[in-house]
């Protein structure tokens, strides 16, 4: 990346960080895709990039506020609720941004158990439906205290997918396929590969949930490459090289990861360091 582009990106990052420092705690949504959890992800990465611990401290403040905000009847979904928050916390732990002795998500399990086993749900999408809950339970398989609940809920999601297979809307089939693809790589769940193959034959790869934001389009290219063997890696590199200067007269519409300042910040951090792309899996 040319030096002048690097300088412009660093300037954008500083503006993004300043905006989020002012507005992050004022963001009402606690969630991963549009709220405080996604902003915390950006600040942990930005702290690592700058070497400034104060940004990590701010991220921790956001997480504390978020945990105080949610309760037993909070939204359960992945986009704005507890499922996405749990996946975000797991991401921070696995990437050594959070070093915790207690299981932060143990208190969240009850809400997602209810969402899977008792709340009526006809939606199989990642952001608002059962596969989003499934991603939460995949992260919980690593914890002994939640292992039985995680297996029970994942098996229930599989049963519901099998039962509703003919009626699952086309726009949700891509999310189901990606969830099954990830699940089948886990020991003990390989037997569902036949179900995975049924979706592979009929699945679209549009990722409707991502919309048409700059971040959404990059995530779409990455996921198409990873799950559908589309040869898009060069497209991803080119997109990162052509990150436009942040237009402060037409700012992002929100503060979150998908359509907001946090996502624009992560996009620029990835342009500087293309190997730092694991965050895309959160969306």
Protein backbone atom coordinates (compact mmCIF):
# COMPACT_ATOMS: atom_id res chain seq x y z
CA UNK A 1 0.00 0.00 0.00
CA UNK A 2 1.37 3.38 -1.01
CA UNK A 3 2.55 5.66 1.79
CA UNK A 4 0.05 8.43 0.99
CA UNK A 5 -2.85 5.96 1.14
CA UNK A 6 -1.51 4.68 4.45
CA UNK A 7 -1.46 8.24 5.82
CA UNK A 8 -5.04 8.88 4.67
CA UNK A 9 -6.25 5.66 6.25
CA UNK A 10 -4.56 6.52 9.54
CA UNK A 11 -6.30 9.90 9.47
CA UNK A 12 -9.64 8.21 8.84
CA UNK A 13 -9.01 5.80 11.70
CA UNK A 14 -8.34 8.65 14.08
CA UNK A 15 -11.57 10.38 13.02
CA UNK A 16 -13.52 7.13 13.39
CA UNK A 17 -12.05 6.51 16.83
CA UNK A 18 -12.86 10.05 17.93
CA UNK A 19 -16.45 9.70 16.74
CA UNK A 20 -16.91 6.38 18.50
CA UNK A 21 -15.34 7.66 21.71
CA UNK A 22 -17.99 10.36 21.74
CA UNK A 23 -20.92 8.18 20.76
CA UNK A 24 -20.08 4.58 21.63
CA UNK A 25 -21.56 4.58 25.12
CA UNK A 26 -24.59 6.50 23.83
CA UNK A 27 -25.42 3.71 21.39
CA UNK A 28 -28.59 2.10 22.69
CA UNK A 29 -28.20 -1.27 20.98
CA UNK A 30 -25.94 -3.65 22.96
CA UNK A 31 -25.52 -6.07 20.07
CA UNK A 32 -22.71 -7.30 17.84
CA UNK A 33 -23.81 -6.18 14.38
CA UNK A 34 -25.16 -2.71 15.19
CA UNK A 35 -24.22 -1.93 18.77
CA UNK A 36 -21.78 -1.78 21.66
CA UNK A 37 -20.35 -5.28 21.17
CA UNK A 38 -19.22 -4.47 17.63
CA UNK A 39 -17.76 -1.14 18.71
CA UNK A 40 -15.77 -2.94 21.43
CA UNK A 41 -14.36 -5.30 18.77
CA UNK A 42 -13.10 -2.28 16.81
CA UNK A 43 -11.49 -0.63 19.84
CA UNK A 44 -9.65 -3.78 20.90
CA UNK A 45 -8.20 -4.06 17.39
CA UNK A 46 -7.43 -0.35 17.29
CA UNK A 47 -5.66 -0.56 20.65
CA UNK A 48 -3.48 -3.33 19.25
CA UNK A 49 -2.76 -1.27 16.14
CA UNK A 50 -1.84 1.93 17.99
CA UNK A 51 -0.34 0.41 21.13
CA UNK A 52 -2.57 2.74 23.17
CA UNK A 53 -4.08 0.90 26.14
CA UNK A 54 -6.74 3.58 26.66
CA UNK A 55 -8.66 2.24 23.64
CA UNK A 56 -8.75 -1.24 25.19
CA UNK A 57 -9.92 0.33 28.45
CA UNK A 58 -12.75 2.02 26.57
CA UNK A 59 -13.68 -1.29 24.95
CA UNK A 60 -13.90 -2.85 28.40
CA UNK A 61 -16.15 0.01 29.54
CA UNK A 62 -18.44 -0.72 26.60
CA UNK A 63 -18.58 -4.40 27.51
CA UNK A 64 -19.37 -3.61 31.14
CA UNK A 65 -22.19 -1.27 30.06
CA UNK A 66 -23.49 -3.85 27.62
CA UNK A 67 -23.57 -6.62 30.25
CA UNK A 68 -25.37 -4.31 32.67
CA UNK A 69 -27.88 -3.46 29.95
CA UNK A 70 -28.99 -6.98 29.02
CA UNK A 71 -31.38 -9.08 31.08
CA UNK A 72 -33.28 -12.36 31.00
CA UNK A 73 -35.88 -10.98 28.57
CA UNK A 74 -33.46 -9.16 26.24
CA UNK A 75 -33.57 -9.85 22.54
CA UNK A 76 -32.04 -13.24 21.85
CA UNK A 77 -31.15 -12.82 18.18
CA UNK A 78 -27.70 -12.59 16.62
CA UNK A 79 -28.05 -9.16 15.03
CA UNK A 80 -28.95 -7.07 18.07
CA UNK A 81 -29.24 -9.49 20.96
CA UNK A 82 -27.61 -12.04 23.20
CA UNK A 83 -26.59 -14.64 20.61
CA UNK A 84 -24.36 -12.18 18.76
CA UNK A 85 -23.02 -10.78 22.02
CA UNK A 86 -21.98 -14.26 23.10
CA UNK A 87 -20.22 -14.93 19.80
CA UNK A 88 -18.47 -11.55 20.07
CA UNK A 89 -17.23 -12.27 23.58
CA UNK A 90 -15.96 -15.68 22.45
CA UNK A 91 -14.11 -13.99 19.56
CA UNK A 92 -12.40 -11.56 21.94
CA UNK A 93 -11.36 -14.38 24.27
CA UNK A 94 -10.00 -16.58 21.46
CA UNK A 95 -8.00 -13.66 20.07
CA UNK A 96 -6.55 -12.81 23.51
CA UNK A 97 -8.27 -9.42 23.76
CA UNK A 98 -10.15 -10.60 26.86
CA UNK A 99 -8.45 -12.56 29.62
CA UNK A 100 -11.18 -13.71 31.98
CA UNK A 101 -11.28 -16.39 34.66
CA UNK A 102 -15.07 -16.61 34.95
CA UNK A 103 -17.37 -17.76 32.15
CA UNK A 104 -18.98 -14.45 31.13
CA UNK A 105 -21.59 -16.12 28.95
CA UNK A 106 -22.85 -18.67 31.47
CA UNK A 107 -25.56 -16.24 32.59
CA UNK A 108 -26.61 -15.75 28.96
CA UNK A 109 -27.24 -19.45 28.30
CA UNK A 110 -30.70 -19.47 29.86
CA UNK A 111 -32.03 -16.90 27.39
CA UNK A 112 -30.74 -18.80 24.33
CA UNK A 113 -32.01 -22.13 25.68
CA UNK A 114 -35.46 -20.54 25.86
CA UNK A 115 -35.09 -19.09 22.38
CA UNK A 116 -34.26 -22.49 20.85
CA UNK A 117 -36.41 -24.88 22.87
CA UNK A 118 -39.46 -22.85 23.81
CA UNK A 119 -39.87 -19.64 21.79
CA UNK A 120 -41.69 -20.20 18.49
CA UNK A 121 -39.35 -19.38 15.60
CA UNK A 122 -40.01 -19.83 11.89
CA UNK A 123 -36.89 -17.91 10.85
CA UNK A 124 -33.69 -19.78 9.94
CA UNK A 125 -31.52 -16.77 9.14
CA UNK A 126 -28.32 -15.96 11.02
CA UNK A 127 -29.25 -12.47 12.12
CA UNK A 128 -32.81 -13.07 13.32
CA UNK A 129 -33.30 -16.81 13.51
CA UNK A 130 -32.21 -20.26 14.50
CA UNK A 131 -28.82 -20.44 12.79
CA UNK A 132 -27.75 -17.36 14.75
CA UNK A 133 -28.60 -19.22 17.94
CA UNK A 134 -26.67 -22.15 16.51
CA UNK A 135 -23.49 -20.09 16.19
CA UNK A 136 -23.86 -19.09 19.84
CA UNK A 137 -24.12 -22.74 20.91
CA UNK A 138 -21.12 -23.73 18.80
CA UNK A 139 -19.02 -21.33 20.89
CA UNK A 140 -20.46 -22.84 24.07
CA UNK A 141 -19.27 -26.36 23.20
CA UNK A 142 -15.85 -25.38 24.58
CA UNK A 143 -17.20 -24.97 28.13
CA UNK A 144 -17.89 -27.98 30.33
CA UNK A 145 -20.71 -26.27 32.23
CA UNK A 146 -22.65 -25.53 29.06
CA UNK A 147 -21.73 -28.60 26.99
CA UNK A 148 -24.96 -30.58 27.51
CA UNK A 149 -27.16 -27.53 26.87
CA UNK A 150 -25.15 -26.68 23.77
CA UNK A 151 -25.52 -30.18 22.30
CA UNK A 152 -29.24 -30.32 23.10
CA UNK A 153 -29.90 -26.96 21.47
CA UNK A 154 -27.79 -27.71 18.40
CA UNK A 155 -29.59 -31.02 17.89
CA UNK A 156 -32.93 -29.24 18.26
CA UNK A 157 -31.93 -26.75 15.58
CA UNK A 158 -30.98 -29.63 13.28
CA UNK A 159 -34.36 -31.30 13.88
CA UNK A 160 -36.18 -28.07 13.02
CA UNK A 161 -34.12 -27.64 9.84
CA UNK A 162 -34.98 -31.19 8.76
CA UNK A 163 -38.67 -30.73 9.58
CA UNK A 164 -38.99 -27.41 7.76
CA UNK A 165 -36.61 -28.17 4.91
CA UNK A 166 -39.18 -27.79 2.08
CA UNK A 167 -40.47 -24.50 3.50
CA UNK A 168 -37.23 -22.66 4.32
CA UNK A 169 -37.20 -19.45 2.21
CA UNK A 170 -34.56 -19.15 -0.48
CA UNK A 171 -33.00 -16.08 1.16
CA UNK A 172 -32.39 -18.07 4.37
CA UNK A 173 -30.88 -21.19 2.76
CA UNK A 174 -27.43 -19.63 2.43
CA UNK A 175 -27.31 -18.98 6.19
CA UNK A 176 -28.45 -22.55 6.90
CA UNK A 177 -25.80 -23.99 4.59
CA UNK A 178 -22.99 -21.95 6.20
CA UNK A 179 -24.12 -22.96 9.69
CA UNK A 180 -24.24 -26.66 8.75
CA UNK A 181 -20.86 -26.35 7.03
CA UNK A 182 -19.28 -25.09 10.24
CA UNK A 183 -21.13 -27.55 12.47
CA UNK A 184 -20.09 -30.57 10.41
CA UNK A 185 -16.43 -29.73 11.01
CA UNK A 186 -16.91 -30.29 14.74
CA UNK A 187 -16.27 -33.72 16.19
CA UNK A 188 -19.55 -35.43 16.99
CA UNK A 189 -21.58 -33.61 14.35
CA UNK A 190 -20.10 -35.14 11.19
CA UNK A 191 -23.23 -37.26 10.68
CA UNK A 192 -25.12 -34.22 9.39
CA UNK A 193 -23.05 -33.95 6.21
CA UNK A 194 -25.87 -35.53 4.21
CA UNK A 195 -28.15 -32.70 5.31
CA UNK A 196 -25.41 -30.22 4.39
CA UNK A 197 -25.19 -31.73 0.91
CA UNK A 198 -28.93 -31.26 0.40
CA UNK A 199 -28.47 -27.54 0.89
CA UNK A 200 -25.33 -27.37 -1.20
CA UNK A 201 -27.30 -28.49 -4.25
CA UNK A 202 -29.87 -25.72 -3.95
CA UNK A 203 -28.22 -22.91 -2.01
CA UNK A 204 -27.75 -19.40 -3.29
CA UNK A 205 -24.71 -17.44 -2.14
CA UNK A 206 -26.15 -13.93 -2.03
CA UNK A 207 -26.01 -13.40 1.76
CA UNK A 208 -29.09 -11.18 1.75
CA UNK A 209 -28.59 -10.19 5.38
CA UNK A 210 -25.51 -8.11 4.52
CA UNK A 211 -27.22 -5.49 2.38
CA UNK A 212 -25.11 -3.28 0.12
CA UNK A 213 -22.86 -1.36 2.49
CA UNK A 214 -19.12 -1.17 1.78
CA UNK A 215 -18.42 -3.54 4.66
CA UNK A 216 -21.30 -5.82 3.69
CA UNK A 217 -19.99 -6.19 0.14
CA UNK A 218 -16.49 -7.07 1.37
CA UNK A 219 -17.90 -9.61 3.83
CA UNK A 220 -20.01 -11.10 1.03
CA UNK A 221 -16.94 -11.61 -1.17
CA UNK A 222 -15.05 -13.22 1.70
CA UNK A 223 -17.89 -15.59 2.63
CA UNK A 224 -18.51 -16.56 -1.00
CA UNK A 225 -14.84 -17.45 -1.29
CA UNK A 226 -14.79 -19.42 1.96
CA UNK A 227 -18.06 -21.35 1.66
CA UNK A 228 -18.71 -21.57 -2.07
CA UNK A 229 -15.18 -21.72 -3.53
CA UNK A 230 -15.78 -18.56 -5.55
CA UNK A 231 -12.46 -17.23 -6.76
CA UNK A 232 -12.82 -13.86 -5.05
CA UNK A 233 -9.56 -13.53 -3.09
CA UNK A 234 -8.10 -11.13 -5.65
CA UNK A 235 -11.34 -9.14 -5.55
CA UNK A 236 -11.03 -8.87 -1.77
CA UNK A 237 -7.44 -7.62 -2.02
CA UNK A 238 -8.42 -5.10 -4.69
CA UNK A 239 -11.36 -3.88 -2.61
CA UNK A 240 -9.08 -3.33 0.38
CA UNK A 241 -6.55 -1.46 -1.76
CA UNK A 242 -9.28 0.87 -2.98
CA UNK A 243 -10.74 1.85 0.38
CA UNK A 244 -12.02 5.36 -0.15
CA UNK A 245 -11.29 8.24 2.19
CA UNK A 246 -14.04 8.56 4.77
CA UNK A 247 -16.49 11.23 3.61
CA UNK A 248 -17.30 13.12 6.80
CA UNK A 249 -20.04 15.04 4.97
CA UNK A 250 -21.79 11.70 4.34
CA UNK A 251 -20.98 9.78 7.52
CA UNK A 252 -22.02 6.17 8.16
CA UNK A 253 -25.62 5.81 9.26
CA UNK A 254 -24.78 4.14 12.56
CA UNK A 255 -21.95 3.20 14.91
CA UNK A 256 -21.96 -0.58 14.41
CA UNK A 257 -19.94 -3.17 12.51
CA UNK A 258 -22.07 -3.71 9.42
CA UNK A 259 -23.18 -0.23 8.37
CA UNK A 260 -21.46 2.03 10.89
CA UNK A 261 -18.25 3.64 12.05
CA UNK A 262 -16.95 0.47 13.74
CA UNK A 263 -17.17 -1.45 10.47
CA UNK A 264 -15.53 1.37 8.51
CA UNK A 265 -12.74 1.30 11.07
CA UNK A 266 -12.27 -2.46 10.81
CA UNK A 267 -12.23 -2.16 7.02
CA UNK A 268 -9.32 0.29 7.22
CA UNK A 269 -7.42 -1.74 9.80
CA UNK A 270 -7.71 -4.72 7.45
CA UNK A 271 -6.48 -2.61 4.51
CA UNK A 272 -3.35 -1.83 6.52
CA UNK A 273 -2.94 -5.42 7.67
CA UNK A 274 -4.78 -7.79 5.25
CA UNK A 275 -4.02 -10.84 7.40
CA UNK A 276 -6.24 -9.34 10.09
CA UNK A 277 -9.49 -10.57 8.54
CA UNK A 278 -10.92 -12.99 11.11
CA UNK A 279 -13.42 -10.36 12.32
CA UNK A 280 -15.35 -10.80 9.07
CA UNK A 281 -16.62 -14.15 10.37
CA UNK A 282 -18.60 -12.24 13.02
CA UNK A 283 -20.90 -10.87 10.31
